[in-house]
């Protein structure tokens, strides 16, 4: 059984993960309006990943015989209309999520809650991957540009990555 404080904080994080899903859905919609279907697919795949993260936490609380409390999800901030700005906004968002995950890990350690600490390690690793991926995309956009053929190549690459994300998600839930 986890502490009431830990359960409350994980419930808050479930809400943040749901917000993240909406954030990525808004970015997918913006990419669609810009005719960047590969980026839209990538952002939409991220939307699905965030829902999966929320459900992992949901399941953990249920398995710990703790109540899940669903709360209102704030609307995402306005989406930038340039590709580089969209990914910079994404990186800033992922860095915020990393801080929240680290805060949960710190609480687990302070409470000597080994089960929750182990559970949260997956999210720590996931955040490293999330930030690195977005940093890489931003680096290439800055190096090659976010217009013309460079943008088309990156858009096509992200379409392929989105397909891989979808396949991995399907395998994980099967």
C-alpha atoms as a PDB file:
ATOM      1  CA  UNK A   1       0.000   0.000   0.000  1.00  0.00           C
ATOM      2  CA  UNK A   2       1.314   3.423  -0.899  1.00  0.00           C
ATOM      3  CA  UNK A   3       0.923   6.547   1.187  1.00  0.00           C
ATOM      4  CA  UNK A   4      -1.983   8.914   0.741  1.00  0.00           C
ATOM      5  CA  UNK A   5       0.459  11.647  -0.339  1.00  0.00           C
ATOM      6  CA  UNK A   6       1.976   9.402  -3.011  1.00  0.00           C
ATOM      7  CA  UNK A   7      -1.463   8.353  -4.254  1.00  0.00           C
ATOM      8  CA  UNK A   8      -2.521  12.000  -4.461  1.00  0.00           C
ATOM      9  CA  UNK A   9       0.602  12.956  -6.389  1.00  0.00           C
ATOM     10  CA  UNK A  10       0.249  10.055  -8.830  1.00  0.00           C
ATOM     11  CA  UNK A  11      -3.382  11.059  -9.389  1.00  0.00           C
ATOM     12  CA  UNK A  12      -2.176  14.580 -10.207  1.00  0.00           C
ATOM     13  CA  UNK A  13       0.369  13.086 -12.600  1.00  0.00           C
ATOM     14  CA  UNK A  14      -2.352  11.054 -14.307  1.00  0.00           C
ATOM     15  CA  UNK A  15      -4.079  14.364 -14.978  1.00  0.00           C
ATOM     16  CA  UNK A  16      -0.829  15.818 -16.321  1.00  0.00           C
ATOM     17  CA  UNK A  17      -0.413  12.844 -18.648  1.00  0.00           C
ATOM     18  CA  UNK A  18      -3.941  13.409 -19.941  1.00  0.00           C
ATOM     19  CA  UNK A  19      -3.073  17.081 -20.460  1.00  0.00           C
ATOM     20  CA  UNK A  20       0.025  15.956 -22.361  1.00  0.00           C
ATOM     21  CA  UNK A  21      -2.167  13.813 -24.609  1.00  0.00           C
ATOM     22  CA  UNK A  22      -4.310  16.854 -25.397  1.00  0.00           C
ATOM     23  CA  UNK A  23      -1.189  18.964 -25.924  1.00  0.00           C
ATOM     24  CA  UNK A  24       0.063  16.507 -28.544  1.00  0.00           C
ATOM     25  CA  UNK A  25      -3.372  16.269 -30.131  1.00  0.00           C
ATOM     26  CA  UNK A  26      -3.385  20.069 -30.563  1.00  0.00           C
ATOM     27  CA  UNK A  27       0.073  19.889 -32.150  1.00  0.00           C
ATOM     28  CA  UNK A  28      -1.114  17.119 -34.478  1.00  0.00           C
ATOM     29  CA  UNK A  29      -4.032  19.273 -35.562  1.00  0.00           C
ATOM     30  CA  UNK A  30      -1.718  22.228 -36.196  1.00  0.00           C
ATOM     31  CA  UNK A  31       0.622  20.060 -38.264  1.00  0.00           C
ATOM     32  CA  UNK A  32      -2.364  18.801 -40.262  1.00  0.00           C
ATOM     33  CA  UNK A  33      -3.372  22.384 -41.069  1.00  0.00           C
ATOM     34  CA  UNK A  34       0.175  22.982 -42.295  1.00  0.00           C
ATOM     35  CA  UNK A  35      -0.077  19.914 -44.585  1.00  0.00           C
ATOM     36  CA  UNK A  36       2.666  18.162 -42.595  1.00  0.00           C
ATOM     37  CA  UNK A  37       1.077  14.755 -42.346  1.00  0.00           C
ATOM     38  CA  UNK A  38       4.218  13.007 -41.133  1.00  0.00           C
ATOM     39  CA  UNK A  39       4.584  15.419 -38.221  1.00  0.00           C
ATOM     40  CA  UNK A  40       0.867  15.180 -37.551  1.00  0.00           C
ATOM     41  CA  UNK A  41       1.180  11.391 -37.387  1.00  0.00           C
ATOM     42  CA  UNK A  42       4.189  11.709 -35.055  1.00  0.00           C
ATOM     43  CA  UNK A  43       2.358  14.122 -32.722  1.00  0.00           C
ATOM     44  CA  UNK A  44      -0.721  11.889 -32.830  1.00  0.00           C
ATOM     45  CA  UNK A  45       1.412   8.864 -31.914  1.00  0.00           C
ATOM     46  CA  UNK A  46       2.757  10.888 -28.982  1.00  0.00           C
ATOM     47  CA  UNK A  47      -0.851  11.611 -28.015  1.00  0.00           C
ATOM     48  CA  UNK A  48      -1.408   7.854 -27.775  1.00  0.00           C
ATOM     49  CA  UNK A  49       1.787   7.361 -25.768  1.00  0.00           C
ATOM     50  CA  UNK A  50       0.650   9.923 -23.205  1.00  0.00           C
ATOM     51  CA  UNK A  51      -2.672   8.139 -22.801  1.00  0.00           C
ATOM     52  CA  UNK A  52      -0.706   4.922 -22.254  1.00  0.00           C
ATOM     53  CA  UNK A  53       1.391   6.652 -19.578  1.00  0.00           C
ATOM     54  CA  UNK A  54      -1.769   7.779 -17.799  1.00  0.00           C
ATOM     55  CA  UNK A  55      -3.164   4.255 -17.942  1.00  0.00           C
ATOM     56  CA  UNK A  56       0.057   2.763 -16.535  1.00  0.00           C
ATOM     57  CA  UNK A  57      -0.323   5.061 -13.534  1.00  0.00           C
ATOM     58  CA  UNK A  58      -4.034   4.301 -13.307  1.00  0.00           C
ATOM     59  CA  UNK A  59      -3.296   0.569 -13.240  1.00  0.00           C
ATOM     60  CA  UNK A  60      -0.539   1.055 -10.655  1.00  0.00           C
ATOM     61  CA  UNK A  61      -2.911   2.855  -8.283  1.00  0.00           C
ATOM     62  CA  UNK A  62      -5.585   0.191  -8.771  1.00  0.00           C
ATOM     63  CA  UNK A  63      -3.002  -2.552  -8.146  1.00  0.00           C
ATOM     64  CA  UNK A  64      -1.951  -0.725  -4.980  1.00  0.00           C
ATOM     65  CA  UNK A  65      -5.588  -0.773  -3.785  1.00  0.00           C
ATOM     66  CA  UNK A  66      -5.729   3.006  -4.002  1.00  0.00           C
ATOM     67  CA  UNK A  67      -8.448   5.218  -5.436  1.00  0.00           C
ATOM     68  CA  UNK A  68      -8.016   6.807  -8.830  1.00  0.00           C
ATOM     69  CA  UNK A  69      -9.446  10.292  -8.930  1.00  0.00           C
ATOM     70  CA  UNK A  70     -10.206  11.687 -12.352  1.00  0.00           C
ATOM     71  CA  UNK A  71     -10.125  15.456 -12.504  1.00  0.00           C
ATOM     72  CA  UNK A  72     -10.675  18.196 -15.033  1.00  0.00           C
ATOM     73  CA  UNK A  73      -8.018  18.480 -17.714  1.00  0.00           C
ATOM     74  CA  UNK A  74      -6.866  21.970 -18.635  1.00  0.00           C
ATOM     75  CA  UNK A  75      -6.900  22.963 -22.282  1.00  0.00           C
ATOM     76  CA  UNK A  76      -3.439  23.091 -23.861  1.00  0.00           C
ATOM     77  CA  UNK A  77      -1.775  26.412 -24.528  1.00  0.00           C
ATOM     78  CA  UNK A  78      -2.062  27.918 -27.985  1.00  0.00           C
ATOM     79  CA  UNK A  79      -0.018  26.019 -30.534  1.00  0.00           C
ATOM     80  CA  UNK A  80       2.755  27.825 -32.350  1.00  0.00           C
ATOM     81  CA  UNK A  81       2.414  28.119 -36.107  1.00  0.00           C
ATOM     82  CA  UNK A  82       6.034  27.474 -37.073  1.00  0.00           C
ATOM     83  CA  UNK A  83       7.552  24.020 -37.112  1.00  0.00           C
ATOM     84  CA  UNK A  84      10.632  24.927 -35.071  1.00  0.00           C
ATOM     85  CA  UNK A  85       8.453  26.694 -32.494  1.00  0.00           C
ATOM     86  CA  UNK A  86       6.178  23.648 -32.252  1.00  0.00           C
ATOM     87  CA  UNK A  87       9.117  21.417 -31.397  1.00  0.00           C
ATOM     88  CA  UNK A  88      10.627  23.970 -29.010  1.00  0.00           C
ATOM     89  CA  UNK A  89       7.259  24.079 -27.253  1.00  0.00           C
ATOM     90  CA  UNK A  90       7.323  20.278 -27.186  1.00  0.00           C
ATOM     91  CA  UNK A  91      10.786  20.200 -25.606  1.00  0.00           C
ATOM     92  CA  UNK A  92       9.783  22.740 -22.949  1.00  0.00           C
ATOM     93  CA  UNK A  93       6.723  20.629 -22.169  1.00  0.00           C
ATOM     94  CA  UNK A  94       8.730  17.390 -21.903  1.00  0.00           C
ATOM     95  CA  UNK A  95      11.222  19.096 -19.591  1.00  0.00           C
ATOM     96  CA  UNK A  96       8.344  20.086 -17.308  1.00  0.00           C
ATOM     97  CA  UNK A  97       7.101  16.499 -17.286  1.00  0.00           C
ATOM     98  CA  UNK A  98      10.611  15.329 -16.376  1.00  0.00           C
ATOM     99  CA  UNK A  99      10.625  17.631 -13.340  1.00  0.00           C
ATOM    100  CA  UNK A 100       7.282  16.231 -12.185  1.00  0.00           C
ATOM    101  CA  UNK A 101       8.447  12.628 -12.610  1.00  0.00           C
ATOM    102  CA  UNK A 102      11.656  13.370 -10.698  1.00  0.00           C
ATOM    103  CA  UNK A 103       9.580  14.940  -7.912  1.00  0.00           C
ATOM    104  CA  UNK A 104       7.573  11.712  -7.658  1.00  0.00           C
ATOM    105  CA  UNK A 105      10.787   9.678  -7.506  1.00  0.00           C
ATOM    106  CA  UNK A 106      12.121  11.977  -4.773  1.00  0.00           C
ATOM    107  CA  UNK A 107       8.938  11.466  -2.764  1.00  0.00           C
ATOM    108  CA  UNK A 108       9.142   7.692  -3.219  1.00  0.00           C
ATOM    109  CA  UNK A 109      12.732   7.730  -1.984  1.00  0.00           C
ATOM    110  CA  UNK A 110      11.916   9.934   1.005  1.00  0.00           C
ATOM    111  CA  UNK A 111       9.085   7.573   1.973  1.00  0.00           C
ATOM    112  CA  UNK A 112      11.232   4.494   1.326  1.00  0.00           C
ATOM    113  CA  UNK A 113       8.504   3.353  -1.041  1.00  0.00           C
ATOM    114  CA  UNK A 114      10.543   0.876  -3.046  1.00  0.00           C
ATOM    115  CA  UNK A 115       7.679  -0.420  -5.167  1.00  0.00           C
ATOM    116  CA  UNK A 116       6.736   3.054  -6.398  1.00  0.00           C
ATOM    117  CA  UNK A 117      10.384   3.956  -6.919  1.00  0.00           C
ATOM    118  CA  UNK A 118      10.860   0.917  -9.130  1.00  0.00           C
ATOM    119  CA  UNK A 119       7.590   1.632 -10.965  1.00  0.00           C
ATOM    120  CA  UNK A 120       8.658   5.217 -11.671  1.00  0.00           C
ATOM    121  CA  UNK A 121      12.047   4.236 -13.111  1.00  0.00           C
ATOM    122  CA  UNK A 122      10.330   3.349 -16.385  1.00  0.00           C
ATOM    123  CA  UNK A 123       9.047   6.929 -16.595  1.00  0.00           C
ATOM    124  CA  UNK A 124      12.493   8.370 -15.794  1.00  0.00           C
ATOM    125  CA  UNK A 125      13.968   6.399 -18.681  1.00  0.00           C
ATOM    126  CA  UNK A 126      11.063   7.360 -20.936  1.00  0.00           C
ATOM    127  CA  UNK A 127      11.656  11.053 -20.240  1.00  0.00           C
ATOM    128  CA  UNK A 128      15.327  10.757 -21.181  1.00  0.00           C
ATOM    129  CA  UNK A 129      14.235   9.264 -24.500  1.00  0.00           C
ATOM    130  CA  UNK A 130      11.496  11.853 -25.045  1.00  0.00           C
ATOM    131  CA  UNK A 131      13.795  14.822 -24.513  1.00  0.00           C
ATOM    132  CA  UNK A 132      16.603  13.322 -26.611  1.00  0.00           C
ATOM    133  CA  UNK A 133      14.242  12.626 -29.516  1.00  0.00           C
ATOM    134  CA  UNK A 134      12.840  16.151 -29.555  1.00  0.00           C
ATOM    135  CA  UNK A 135      16.320  17.648 -29.144  1.00  0.00           C
ATOM    136  CA  UNK A 136      17.428  15.656 -32.184  1.00  0.00           C
ATOM    137  CA  UNK A 137      14.489  16.899 -34.257  1.00  0.00           C
ATOM    138  CA  UNK A 138      15.162  20.500 -33.233  1.00  0.00           C
ATOM    139  CA  UNK A 139      18.845  20.088 -34.058  1.00  0.00           C
ATOM    140  CA  UNK A 140      18.052  18.876 -37.552  1.00  0.00           C
ATOM    141  CA  UNK A 141      15.473  21.603 -38.110  1.00  0.00           C
ATOM    142  CA  UNK A 142      18.038  24.220 -37.107  1.00  0.00           C
ATOM    143  CA  UNK A 143      20.760  22.644 -39.229  1.00  0.00           C
ATOM    144  CA  UNK A 144      18.772  21.944 -42.378  1.00  0.00           C
ATOM    145  CA  UNK A 145      15.914  24.408 -42.029  1.00  0.00           C
ATOM    146  CA  UNK A 146      12.198  24.093 -41.562  1.00  0.00           C
ATOM    147  CA  UNK A 147      11.185  24.828 -45.149  1.00  0.00           C
ATOM    148  CA  UNK A 148      11.317  23.220 -48.554  1.00  0.00           C
ATOM    149  CA  UNK A 149      13.016  19.892 -49.149  1.00  0.00           C
ATOM    150  CA  UNK A 150      14.572  19.771 -45.682  1.00  0.00           C
ATOM    151  CA  UNK A 151      11.173  20.034 -44.070  1.00  0.00           C
ATOM    152  CA  UNK A 152       9.743  17.436 -46.443  1.00  0.00           C
ATOM    153  CA  UNK A 153      12.518  14.974 -45.528  1.00  0.00           C
ATOM    154  CA  UNK A 154      11.995  15.480 -41.795  1.00  0.00           C
ATOM    155  CA  UNK A 155       8.214  15.205 -42.248  1.00  0.00           C
ATOM    156  CA  UNK A 156       8.630  11.915 -44.123  1.00  0.00           C
ATOM    157  CA  UNK A 157      11.022  10.585 -41.490  1.00  0.00           C
ATOM    158  CA  UNK A 158       8.593  11.418 -38.682  1.00  0.00           C
ATOM    159  CA  UNK A 159       5.841   9.592 -40.570  1.00  0.00           C
ATOM    160  CA  UNK A 160       8.000   6.460 -40.440  1.00  0.00           C
ATOM    161  CA  UNK A 161       8.780   6.973 -36.760  1.00  0.00           C
ATOM    162  CA  UNK A 162       5.084   7.432 -36.009  1.00  0.00           C
ATOM    163  CA  UNK A 163       4.370   4.093 -37.653  1.00  0.00           C
ATOM    164  CA  UNK A 164       7.025   2.419 -35.460  1.00  0.00           C
ATOM    165  CA  UNK A 165       5.569   4.067 -32.336  1.00  0.00           C
ATOM    166  CA  UNK A 166       2.133   2.745 -33.282  1.00  0.00           C
ATOM    167  CA  UNK A 167       3.471  -0.773 -33.805  1.00  0.00           C
ATOM    168  CA  UNK A 168       5.326  -0.694 -30.479  1.00  0.00           C
ATOM    169  CA  UNK A 169       2.221   0.530 -28.690  1.00  0.00           C
ATOM    170  CA  UNK A 170       0.115  -2.231 -30.268  1.00  0.00           C
ATOM    171  CA  UNK A 171       2.646  -4.852 -29.186  1.00  0.00           C
ATOM    172  CA  UNK A 172       2.785  -3.472 -25.644  1.00  0.00           C
ATOM    173  CA  UNK A 173      -0.976  -3.644 -25.185  1.00  0.00           C
ATOM    174  CA  UNK A 174      -1.423  -7.061 -26.840  1.00  0.00           C
END
